[in-house]
Amino acid sequence: VKEVASLSLVSSACDVLSAAYTSTKESHPCVRSVCAAAEEGVQSVAEAMASCVQPLLATLEPPVAAVSEYASKGLDKLGEKLPLLPKPLEQALSDTKELLSSRVAGVKEAVSS
């Protein structure tokens, strides 16, 4: 999870969503109160679950480490095949638009000739 979250594309997308969430909360008082209640509820549940889950996590640590290592290798291979993953969201969108524009231009040129 940490590796996925550290990818530029994922972290910049999370930053954009976080900014939109914060902006919406600040702009709309009704949404702010609903969000505050939801955040408090999630925090309470997370704190309650942490003490219950800790013994289970200790038991599952070896298999989780193996799965984590396998997932990390898979993520590395995915990064090689998808060059957009290590890029920030804005750059990935820009590169995608550029690629699509060049492909559409090529198709238009082929059709017109």
Protein backbone atom coordinates (compact mmCIF):
# COMPACT_ATOMS: atom_id res chain seq x y z
CA VAL A 1 0.00 0.00 0.00
CA LYS A 2 2.85 2.37 0.83
CA GLU A 3 4.47 1.71 -2.54
CA VAL A 4 1.24 2.38 -4.44
CA ALA A 5 0.60 5.51 -2.41
CA SER A 6 4.12 6.75 -3.14
CA LEU A 7 3.63 6.60 -6.92
CA SER A 8 3.53 10.14 -8.27
CA LEU A 9 0.31 9.52 -10.19
CA VAL A 10 -1.48 8.14 -7.13
CA SER A 11 -0.15 10.68 -4.64
CA SER A 12 -0.90 13.65 -6.90
CA ALA A 13 -4.42 12.29 -7.57
CA CYS A 14 -4.92 11.96 -3.79
CA ASP A 15 -3.69 15.54 -3.35
CA VAL A 16 -6.20 16.78 -5.94
CA LEU A 17 -9.04 14.87 -4.27
CA SER A 18 -7.99 16.09 -0.83
CA ALA A 19 -7.94 19.70 -2.02
CA ALA A 20 -11.37 19.29 -3.60
CA TYR A 21 -12.73 17.71 -0.40
CA THR A 22 -11.28 20.50 1.76
CA SER A 23 -12.55 23.20 -0.57
CA THR A 24 -16.03 21.71 -0.67
CA LYS A 25 -16.08 21.38 3.12
CA GLU A 26 -15.03 25.01 3.57
CA SER A 27 -17.50 26.33 0.98
CA HIS A 28 -20.65 24.57 2.17
CA PRO A 29 -21.60 24.65 5.87
CA CYS A 30 -24.05 21.72 5.58
CA VAL A 31 -21.43 19.53 3.92
CA ARG A 32 -18.90 20.61 6.56
CA SER A 33 -21.05 19.33 9.42
CA VAL A 34 -21.80 16.03 7.67
CA CYS A 35 -18.10 15.54 6.86
CA ALA A 36 -17.07 16.38 10.43
CA ALA A 37 -19.50 13.78 11.79
CA ALA A 38 -18.28 11.18 9.28
CA GLU A 39 -14.63 11.91 10.09
CA GLU A 40 -15.26 11.54 13.83
CA GLY A 41 -17.09 8.26 13.24
CA VAL A 42 -14.31 6.86 11.09
CA GLN A 43 -11.70 7.91 13.64
CA SER A 44 -13.63 6.25 16.49
CA VAL A 45 -14.08 3.02 14.55
CA ALA A 46 -10.40 3.01 13.53
CA GLU A 47 -9.26 3.47 17.13
CA ALA A 48 -11.58 0.71 18.35
CA MET A 49 -10.48 -1.66 15.60
CA ALA A 50 -6.77 -1.02 16.14
CA SER A 51 -6.75 -2.74 19.53
CA CYS A 52 -8.82 -5.68 18.27
CA VAL A 53 -6.85 -6.22 15.08
CA GLN A 54 -3.34 -5.96 16.57
CA PRO A 55 -3.13 -9.63 17.74
CA LEU A 56 -4.44 -10.81 14.37
CA LEU A 57 -1.86 -8.71 12.52
CA ALA A 58 0.95 -10.23 14.57
CA THR A 59 -0.23 -13.71 13.55
CA LEU A 60 -0.59 -12.79 9.89
CA GLU A 61 2.69 -10.89 9.61
CA PRO A 62 4.76 -13.61 7.80
CA PRO A 63 2.18 -14.34 5.06
CA VAL A 64 1.46 -10.62 4.63
CA ALA A 65 5.20 -9.94 4.20
CA ALA A 66 5.38 -12.60 1.46
CA VAL A 67 2.34 -11.18 -0.33
CA SER A 68 3.77 -7.68 0.04
CA GLU A 69 7.05 -8.71 -1.58
CA TYR A 70 5.20 -10.40 -4.46
CA ALA A 71 2.96 -7.36 -4.92
CA SER A 72 6.01 -5.08 -4.93
CA LYS A 73 7.60 -7.07 -7.75
CA GLY A 74 4.32 -6.97 -9.68
CA LEU A 75 4.09 -3.23 -9.16
CA ASP A 76 7.63 -2.78 -10.48
CA LYS A 77 6.71 -4.73 -13.64
CA LEU A 78 3.51 -2.72 -14.01
CA GLY A 79 5.55 0.50 -13.71
CA GLU A 80 7.78 -0.66 -16.55
CA LYS A 81 4.78 -1.32 -18.80
CA LEU A 82 2.84 1.81 -17.82
CA PRO A 83 5.20 4.78 -17.98
CA LEU A 84 2.43 7.10 -16.72
CA LEU A 85 2.52 5.62 -13.20
CA PRO A 86 5.62 7.44 -11.94
CA LYS A 87 4.40 10.77 -13.33
CA PRO A 88 2.27 13.32 -11.47
CA LEU A 89 -1.41 13.42 -12.42
CA GLU A 90 -1.16 16.70 -14.33
CA GLN A 91 1.75 15.45 -16.42
CA ALA A 92 0.06 12.09 -17.07
CA LEU A 93 -3.08 13.87 -18.28
CA SER A 94 -1.04 16.23 -20.43
CA ASP A 95 0.94 13.36 -21.97
CA THR A 96 -2.26 11.42 -22.63
CA LYS A 97 -3.89 14.43 -24.33
CA GLU A 98 -0.76 14.93 -26.42
CA LEU A 99 -0.72 11.28 -27.47
CA LEU A 100 -4.41 11.32 -28.36
CA SER A 101 -4.04 14.56 -30.32
CA SER A 102 -1.17 13.16 -32.35
CA ARG A 103 -3.10 9.94 -33.05
CA VAL A 104 -6.23 11.87 -34.10
CA ALA A 105 -4.11 14.10 -36.32
CA GLY A 106 -2.58 11.01 -37.92
CA VAL A 107 -6.02 9.51 -38.55
CA LYS A 108 -7.32 12.79 -40.01
CA GLU A 109 -4.30 12.97 -42.31
CA ALA A 110 -4.77 9.36 -43.44
CA VAL A 111 -8.49 9.90 -44.11
CA SER A 112 -7.95 13.16 -46.01
CA SER A 113 -5.26 11.67 -48.22
